[in-house]
Amino acid sequence: MLSPSTEAKDRFEKRVMYQRLPSLQEYVLVAQEKMQIEIYRRVENGWVHITYDEHEQVEFVSIKASLALNEIYP
């Protein structure tokens, strides 16, 4: 979960560090203040950034799963 106090570090420093790992396929950020999930997904030529908002189905390609946001947020 992204908290206001750690969001900048999670969004930038940690993401860049994790994306250097060859085995990492997806980096997921879960917002704490609103229903929103961001996924950074490895593709053939780099990374894509996808944002999912309320009422959307979140696709976790690396684990072959999908969940509606309302299943993730109570």
PDB file of N, CA and C in Angstrom:
ATOM      1  N   MET A   1       0.829  -1.185   0.000  1.00  0.00           N
ATOM      2  CA  MET A   1       0.000   0.000   0.000  1.00  0.00           C
ATOM      3  C   MET A   1       0.874   1.250   0.000  1.00  0.00           C
ATOM      4  N   LEU A   2       0.446   2.191  -0.769  1.00  0.00           N
ATOM      5  CA  LEU A   2       1.148   3.478  -0.815  1.00  0.00           C
ATOM      6  C   LEU A   2       0.628   4.379   0.292  1.00  0.00           C
ATOM      7  N   SER A   3       1.487   4.743   1.177  1.00  0.00           N
ATOM      8  CA  SER A   3       1.092   5.715   2.189  1.00  0.00           C
ATOM      9  C   SER A   3       1.717   7.053   1.820  1.00  0.00           C
ATOM     10  N   PRO A   4       1.120   8.144   2.258  1.00  0.00           N
ATOM     11  CA  PRO A   4       1.667   9.460   1.912  1.00  0.00           C
ATOM     12  C   PRO A   4       3.142   9.614   2.292  1.00  0.00           C
ATOM     13  N   SER A   5       3.542   8.982   3.385  1.00  0.00           N
ATOM     14  CA  SER A   5       4.920   9.151   3.843  1.00  0.00           C
ATOM     15  C   SER A   5       5.941   8.348   3.029  1.00  0.00           C
ATOM     16  N   THR A   6       5.506   7.274   2.357  1.00  0.00           N
ATOM     17  CA  THR A   6       6.455   6.442   1.598  1.00  0.00           C
ATOM     18  C   THR A   6       6.212   6.450   0.090  1.00  0.00           C
ATOM     19  N   GLU A   7       5.186   7.151  -0.367  1.00  0.00           N
ATOM     20  CA  GLU A   7       4.811   7.095  -1.778  1.00  0.00           C
ATOM     21  C   GLU A   7       5.949   7.474  -2.718  1.00  0.00           C
ATOM     22  N   ALA A   8       6.627   8.557  -2.462  1.00  0.00           N
ATOM     23  CA  ALA A   8       7.701   8.993  -3.370  1.00  0.00           C
ATOM     24  C   ALA A   8       8.798   7.939  -3.464  1.00  0.00           C
ATOM     25  N   LYS A   9       9.173   7.378  -2.339  1.00  0.00           N
ATOM     26  CA  LYS A   9      10.224   6.350  -2.336  1.00  0.00           C
ATOM     27  C   LYS A   9       9.759   5.095  -3.082  1.00  0.00           C
ATOM     28  N   ASP A  10       8.514   4.650  -2.830  1.00  0.00           N
ATOM     29  CA  ASP A  10       7.976   3.460  -3.507  1.00  0.00           C
ATOM     30  C   ASP A  10       7.837   3.685  -5.005  1.00  0.00           C
ATOM     31  N   ARG A  11       7.387   4.869  -5.364  1.00  0.00           N
ATOM     32  CA  ARG A  11       7.104   5.178  -6.763  1.00  0.00           C
ATOM     33  C   ARG A  11       8.381   5.356  -7.587  1.00  0.00           C
ATOM     34  N   PHE A  12       9.430   5.850  -6.988  1.00  0.00           N
ATOM     35  CA  PHE A  12      10.649   6.154  -7.751  1.00  0.00           C
ATOM     36  C   PHE A  12      11.840   5.285  -7.355  1.00  0.00           C
ATOM     37  N   GLU A  13      12.354   5.474  -6.149  1.00  0.00           N
ATOM     38  CA  GLU A  13      13.575   4.767  -5.753  1.00  0.00           C
ATOM     39  C   GLU A  13      13.423   3.249  -5.797  1.00  0.00           C
ATOM     40  N   LYS A  14      12.411   2.736  -5.107  1.00  0.00           N
ATOM     41  CA  LYS A  14      12.222   1.282  -5.053  1.00  0.00           C
ATOM     42  C   LYS A  14      11.884   0.717  -6.430  1.00  0.00           C
ATOM     43  N   ARG A  15      11.031   1.412  -7.169  1.00  0.00           N
ATOM     44  CA  ARG A  15      10.632   0.916  -8.492  1.00  0.00           C
ATOM     45  C   ARG A  15      11.843   0.757  -9.398  1.00  0.00           C
ATOM     46  N   VAL A  16      12.683   1.757  -9.458  1.00  0.00           N
ATOM     47  CA  VAL A  16      13.872   1.698 -10.310  1.00  0.00           C
ATOM     48  C   VAL A  16      14.782   0.552  -9.876  1.00  0.00           C
ATOM     49  N   MET A  17      14.943   0.382  -8.580  1.00  0.00           N
ATOM     50  CA  MET A  17      15.781  -0.692  -8.055  1.00  0.00           C
ATOM     51  C   MET A  17      15.204  -2.069  -8.420  1.00  0.00           C
ATOM     52  N   TYR A  18      13.914  -2.249  -8.188  1.00  0.00           N
ATOM     53  CA  TYR A  18      13.276  -3.531  -8.488  1.00  0.00           C
ATOM     54  C   TYR A  18      13.273  -3.833  -9.983  1.00  0.00           C
ATOM     55  N   GLN A  19      13.089  -2.821 -10.807  1.00  0.00           N
ATOM     56  CA  GLN A  19      13.039  -3.050 -12.251  1.00  0.00           C
ATOM     57  C   GLN A  19      14.376  -3.526 -12.812  1.00  0.00           C
ATOM     58  N   ARG A  20      15.427  -3.406 -12.061  1.00  0.00           N
ATOM     59  CA  ARG A  20      16.727  -3.928 -12.483  1.00  0.00           C
ATOM     60  C   ARG A  20      16.819  -5.444 -12.315  1.00  0.00           C
ATOM     61  N   LEU A  21      15.906  -6.021 -11.536  1.00  0.00           N
ATOM     62  CA  LEU A  21      15.909  -7.468 -11.335  1.00  0.00           C
ATOM     63  C   LEU A  21      15.387  -8.157 -12.596  1.00  0.00           C
ATOM     64  N   PRO A  22      16.184  -8.998 -13.232  1.00  0.00           N
ATOM     65  CA  PRO A  22      15.763  -9.630 -14.487  1.00  0.00           C
ATOM     66  C   PRO A  22      14.498 -10.476 -14.355  1.00  0.00           C
ATOM     67  N   SER A  23      14.250 -11.032 -13.180  1.00  0.00           N
ATOM     68  CA  SER A  23      13.090 -11.907 -13.007  1.00  0.00           C
ATOM     69  C   SER A  23      11.793 -11.157 -12.716  1.00  0.00           C
ATOM     70  N   LEU A  24      11.873  -9.870 -12.377  1.00  0.00           N
ATOM     71  CA  LEU A  24      10.667  -9.111 -12.045  1.00  0.00           C
ATOM     72  C   LEU A  24       9.845  -8.848 -13.300  1.00  0.00           C
ATOM     73  N   GLN A  25       8.582  -9.231 -13.265  1.00  0.00           N
ATOM     74  CA  GLN A  25       7.681  -9.028 -14.398  1.00  0.00           C
ATOM     75  C   GLN A  25       6.705  -7.879 -14.173  1.00  0.00           C
ATOM     76  N   GLU A  26       6.301  -7.672 -12.919  1.00  0.00           N
ATOM     77  CA  GLU A  26       5.344  -6.610 -12.605  1.00  0.00           C
ATOM     78  C   GLU A  26       5.694  -5.985 -11.259  1.00  0.00           C
ATOM     79  N   TYR A  27       5.515  -4.677 -11.189  1.00  0.00           N
ATOM     80  CA  TYR A  27       5.681  -3.931  -9.945  1.00  0.00           C
ATOM     81  C   TYR A  27       4.343  -3.252  -9.693  1.00  0.00           C
ATOM     82  N   VAL A  28       3.718  -3.557  -8.570  1.00  0.00           N
ATOM     83  CA  VAL A  28       2.348  -3.117  -8.300  1.00  0.00           C
ATOM     84  C   VAL A  28       2.336  -2.103  -7.161  1.00  0.00           C
ATOM     85  N   LEU A  29       1.652  -0.976  -7.392  1.00  0.00           N
ATOM     86  CA  LEU A  29       1.460   0.058  -6.378  1.00  0.00           C
ATOM     87  C   LEU A  29      -0.033   0.141  -6.075  1.00  0.00           C
ATOM     88  N   VAL A  30      -0.382  -0.018  -4.807  1.00  0.00           N
ATOM     89  CA  VAL A  30      -1.779   0.017  -4.376  1.00  0.00           C
ATOM     90  C   VAL A  30      -1.994   1.291  -3.569  1.00  0.00           C
ATOM     91  N   ALA A  31      -2.857   2.162  -4.060  1.00  0.00           N
ATOM     92  CA  ALA A  31      -3.124   3.431  -3.375  1.00  0.00           C
ATOM     93  C   ALA A  31      -3.875   3.189  -2.076  1.00  0.00           C
ATOM     94  N   GLN A  32      -3.550   3.979  -1.092  1.00  0.00           N
ATOM     95  CA  GLN A  32      -4.195   3.869   0.208  1.00  0.00           C
ATOM     96  C   GLN A  32      -5.370   4.831   0.334  1.00  0.00           C
ATOM     97  N   GLU A  33      -5.280   5.984  -0.288  1.00  0.00           N
ATOM     98  CA  GLU A  33      -6.274   7.036  -0.128  1.00  0.00           C
ATOM     99  C   GLU A  33      -7.450   6.951  -1.109  1.00  0.00           C
ATOM    100  N   LYS A  34      -7.299   6.158  -2.173  1.00  0.00           N
ATOM    101  CA  LYS A  34      -8.368   6.026  -3.168  1.00  0.00           C
ATOM    102  C   LYS A  34      -8.283   4.644  -3.804  1.00  0.00           C
ATOM    103  N   MET A  35      -9.342   4.253  -4.500  1.00  0.00           N
ATOM    104  CA  MET A  35      -9.341   2.953  -5.171  1.00  0.00           C
ATOM    105  C   MET A  35      -8.572   3.076  -6.481  1.00  0.00           C
ATOM    106  N   GLN A  36      -7.296   2.765  -6.421  1.00  0.00           N
ATOM    107  CA  GLN A  36      -6.457   2.851  -7.612  1.00  0.00           C
ATOM    108  C   GLN A  36      -5.249   1.932  -7.460  1.00  0.00           C
ATOM    109  N   ILE A  37      -4.972   1.202  -8.518  1.00  0.00           N
ATOM    110  CA  ILE A  37      -3.798   0.337  -8.568  1.00  0.00           C
ATOM    111  C   ILE A  37      -3.021   0.678  -9.820  1.00  0.00           C
ATOM    112  N   GLU A  38      -1.713   0.779  -9.660  1.00  0.00           N
ATOM    113  CA  GLU A  38      -0.834   1.022 -10.799  1.00  0.00           C
ATOM    114  C   GLU A  38       0.073  -0.187 -10.954  1.00  0.00           C
ATOM    115  N   ILE A  39       0.253  -0.601 -12.193  1.00  0.00           N
ATOM    116  CA  ILE A  39       1.151  -1.720 -12.471  1.00  0.00           C
ATOM    117  C   ILE A  39       2.177  -1.272 -13.500  1.00  0.00           C
ATOM    118  N   TYR A  40       3.425  -1.529 -13.171  1.00  0.00           N
ATOM    119  CA  TYR A  40       4.517  -1.368 -14.127  1.00  0.00           C
ATOM    120  C   TYR A  40       4.819  -2.779 -14.604  1.00  0.00           C
ATOM    121  N   ARG A  41       4.634  -3.025 -15.894  1.00  0.00           N
ATOM    122  CA  ARG A  41       4.764  -4.377 -16.450  1.00  0.00           C
ATOM    123  C   ARG A  41       5.889  -4.418 -17.471  1.00  0.00           C
ATOM    124  N   ARG A  42       6.742  -5.431 -17.333  1.00  0.00           N
ATOM    125  CA  ARG A  42       7.844  -5.618 -18.277  1.00  0.00           C
ATOM    126  C   ARG A  42       7.276  -6.094 -19.616  1.00  0.00           C
ATOM    127  N   VAL A  43       7.713  -5.445 -20.681  1.00  0.00           N
ATOM    128  CA  VAL A  43       7.365  -5.849 -22.049  1.00  0.00           C
ATOM    129  C   VAL A  43       8.676  -6.022 -22.815  1.00  0.00           C
ATOM    130  N   GLU A  44       8.575  -6.423 -24.041  1.00  0.00           N
ATOM    131  CA  GLU A  44       9.759  -6.739 -24.833  1.00  0.00           C
ATOM    132  C   GLU A  44      10.812  -5.638 -24.847  1.00  0.00           C
ATOM    133  N   ASN A  45      10.387  -4.396 -24.962  1.00  0.00           N
ATOM    134  CA  ASN A  45      11.343  -3.282 -25.089  1.00  0.00           C
ATOM    135  C   ASN A  45      11.377  -2.356 -23.885  1.00  0.00           C
ATOM    136  N   GLY A  46      11.065  -2.848 -22.715  1.00  0.00           N
ATOM    137  CA  GLY A  46      11.101  -1.987 -21.532  1.00  0.00           C
ATOM    138  C   GLY A  46       9.935  -2.258 -20.597  1.00  0.00           C
ATOM    139  N   TRP A  47       9.289  -1.176 -20.174  1.00  0.00           N
ATOM    140  CA  TRP A  47       8.196  -1.263 -19.205  1.00  0.00           C
ATOM    141  C   TRP A  47       7.012  -0.421 -19.664  1.00  0.00           C
ATOM    142  N   VAL A  48       5.798  -0.900 -19.360  1.00  0.00           N
ATOM    143  CA  VAL A  48       4.595  -0.098 -19.579  1.00  0.00           C
ATOM    144  C   VAL A  48       3.974   0.195 -18.214  1.00  0.00           C
ATOM    145  N   HIS A  49       3.282   1.306 -18.139  1.00  0.00           N
ATOM    146  CA  HIS A  49       2.625   1.742 -16.905  1.00  0.00           C
ATOM    147  C   HIS A  49       1.124   1.720 -17.151  1.00  0.00           C
ATOM    148  N   ILE A  50       0.391   0.996 -16.310  1.00  0.00           N
ATOM    149  CA  ILE A  50      -1.061   0.874 -16.447  1.00  0.00           C
ATOM    150  C   ILE A  50      -1.696   1.290 -15.125  1.00  0.00           C
ATOM    151  N   THR A  51      -2.733   2.112 -15.208  1.00  0.00           N
ATOM    152  CA  THR A  51      -3.463   2.537 -14.014  1.00  0.00           C
ATOM    153  C   THR A  51      -4.878   1.978 -14.082  1.00  0.00           C
ATOM    154  N   TYR A  52      -5.294   1.356 -13.004  1.00  0.00           N
ATOM    155  CA  TYR A  52      -6.653   0.823 -12.882  1.00  0.00           C
ATOM    156  C   TYR A  52      -7.393   1.637 -11.838  1.00  0.00           C
ATOM    157  N   ASP A  53      -8.602   2.047 -12.172  1.00  0.00           N
ATOM    158  CA  ASP A  53      -9.424   2.835 -11.264  1.00  0.00           C
ATOM    159  C   ASP A  53     -10.674   2.053 -10.882  1.00  0.00           C
ATOM    160  N   GLU A  54     -11.455   2.653  -9.998  1.00  0.00           N
ATOM    161  CA  GLU A  54     -12.684   2.053  -9.496  1.00  0.00           C
ATOM    162  C   GLU A  54     -13.517   1.429 -10.627  1.00  0.00           C
ATOM    163  N   HIS A  55     -14.073   0.260 -10.353  1.00  0.00           N
ATOM    164  CA  HIS A  55     -14.945  -0.493 -11.268  1.00  0.00           C
ATOM    165  C   HIS A  55     -14.186  -1.197 -12.399  1.00  0.00           C
ATOM    166  N   GLU A  56     -12.861  -1.199 -12.363  1.00  0.00           N
ATOM    167  CA  GLU A  56     -12.102  -1.890 -13.401  1.00  0.00           C
ATOM    168  C   GLU A  56     -11.598  -3.236 -12.893  1.00  0.00           C
ATOM    169  N   GLN A  57     -11.299  -4.092 -13.821  1.00  0.00           N
ATOM    170  CA  GLN A  57     -10.718  -5.396 -13.547  1.00  0.00           C
ATOM    171  C   GLN A  57      -9.199  -5.277 -13.669  1.00  0.00           C
ATOM    172  N   VAL A  58      -8.475  -5.647 -12.626  1.00  0.00           N
ATOM    173  CA  VAL A  58      -7.020  -5.545 -12.618  1.00  0.00           C
ATOM    174  C   VAL A  58      -6.436  -6.851 -13.137  1.00  0.00           C
ATOM    175  N   GLU A  59      -5.575  -6.746 -14.133  1.00  0.00           N
ATOM    176  CA  GLU A  59      -4.927  -7.924 -14.710  1.00  0.00           C
ATOM    177  C   GLU A  59      -3.511  -8.041 -14.164  1.00  0.00           C
ATOM    178  N   PHE A  60      -3.254  -9.163 -13.496  1.00  0.00           N
ATOM    179  CA  PHE A  60      -1.915  -9.487 -13.025  1.00  0.00           C
ATOM    180  C   PHE A  60      -1.370 -10.571 -13.955  1.00  0.00           C
ATOM    181  N   VAL A  61      -0.730 -10.149 -15.023  1.00  0.00           N
ATOM    182  CA  VAL A  61      -0.280 -11.063 -16.068  1.00  0.00           C
ATOM    183  C   VAL A  61       0.740 -12.063 -15.527  1.00  0.00           C
ATOM    184  N   SER A  62       1.639 -11.609 -14.688  1.00  0.00           N
ATOM    185  CA  SER A  62       2.723 -12.467 -14.193  1.00  0.00           C
ATOM    186  C   SER A  62       2.228 -13.672 -13.399  1.00  0.00           C
ATOM    187  N   ILE A  63       1.056 -13.558 -12.781  1.00  0.00           N
ATOM    188  CA  ILE A  63       0.515 -14.685 -12.009  1.00  0.00           C
ATOM    189  C   ILE A  63      -0.789 -15.211 -12.618  1.00  0.00           C
ATOM    190  N   LYS A  64      -1.098 -14.742 -13.810  1.00  0.00           N
ATOM    191  CA  LYS A  64      -2.291 -15.183 -14.543  1.00  0.00           C
ATOM    192  C   LYS A  64      -3.553 -15.082 -13.682  1.00  0.00           C
ATOM    193  N   ALA A  65      -3.776 -13.870 -13.173  1.00  0.00           N
ATOM    194  CA  ALA A  65      -4.944 -13.630 -12.326  1.00  0.00           C
ATOM    195  C   ALA A  65      -5.530 -12.266 -12.630  1.00  0.00           C
ATOM    196  N   SER A  66      -6.807 -12.123 -12.345  1.00  0.00           N
ATOM    197  CA  SER A  66      -7.449 -10.821 -12.445  1.00  0.00           C
ATOM    198  C   SER A  66      -8.464 -10.694 -11.318  1.00  0.00           C
ATOM    199  N   LEU A  67      -8.577  -9.472 -10.821  1.00  0.00           N
ATOM    200  CA  LEU A  67      -9.499  -9.170  -9.738  1.00  0.00           C
ATOM    201  C   LEU A  67     -10.132  -7.817  -9.993  1.00  0.00           C
ATOM    202  N   ALA A  68     -11.396  -7.686  -9.622  1.00  0.00           N
ATOM    203  CA  ALA A  68     -12.037  -6.377  -9.663  1.00  0.00           C
ATOM    204  C   ALA A  68     -11.493  -5.555  -8.502  1.00  0.00           C
ATOM    205  N   LEU A  69     -11.384  -4.265  -8.693  1.00  0.00           N
ATOM    206  CA  LEU A  69     -10.874  -3.410  -7.618  1.00  0.00           C
ATOM    207  C   LEU A  69     -11.691  -3.555  -6.346  1.00  0.00           C
ATOM    208  N   ASN A  70     -13.002  -3.747  -6.473  1.00  0.00           N
ATOM    209  CA  ASN A  70     -13.817  -3.879  -5.266  1.00  0.00           C
ATOM    210  C   ASN A  70     -13.577  -5.200  -4.538  1.00  0.00           C
ATOM    211  N   GLU A  71     -12.852  -6.146  -5.155  1.00  0.00           N
ATOM    212  CA  GLU A  71     -12.437  -7.367  -4.472  1.00  0.00           C
ATOM    213  C   GLU A  71     -11.136  -7.129  -3.683  1.00  0.00           C
ATOM    214  N   ILE A  72     -10.395  -6.131  -4.088  1.00  0.00           N
ATOM    215  CA  ILE A  72      -9.126  -5.827  -3.435  1.00  0.00           C
ATOM    216  C   ILE A  72      -9.333  -4.857  -2.280  1.00  0.00           C
ATOM    217  N   TYR A  73     -10.209  -3.869  -2.503  1.00  0.00           N
ATOM    218  CA  TYR A  73     -10.509  -2.880  -1.465  1.00  0.00           C
ATOM    219  C   TYR A  73     -11.784  -3.307  -0.750  1.00  0.00           C
ATOM    220  N   PRO A  74     -11.734  -3.403   0.582  1.00  0.00           N
ATOM    221  CA  PRO A  74     -12.942  -3.808   1.323  1.00  0.00           C
ATOM    222  C   PRO A  74     -14.036  -2.763   1.294  1.00  0.00           C
TER     223      PRO A  74
END
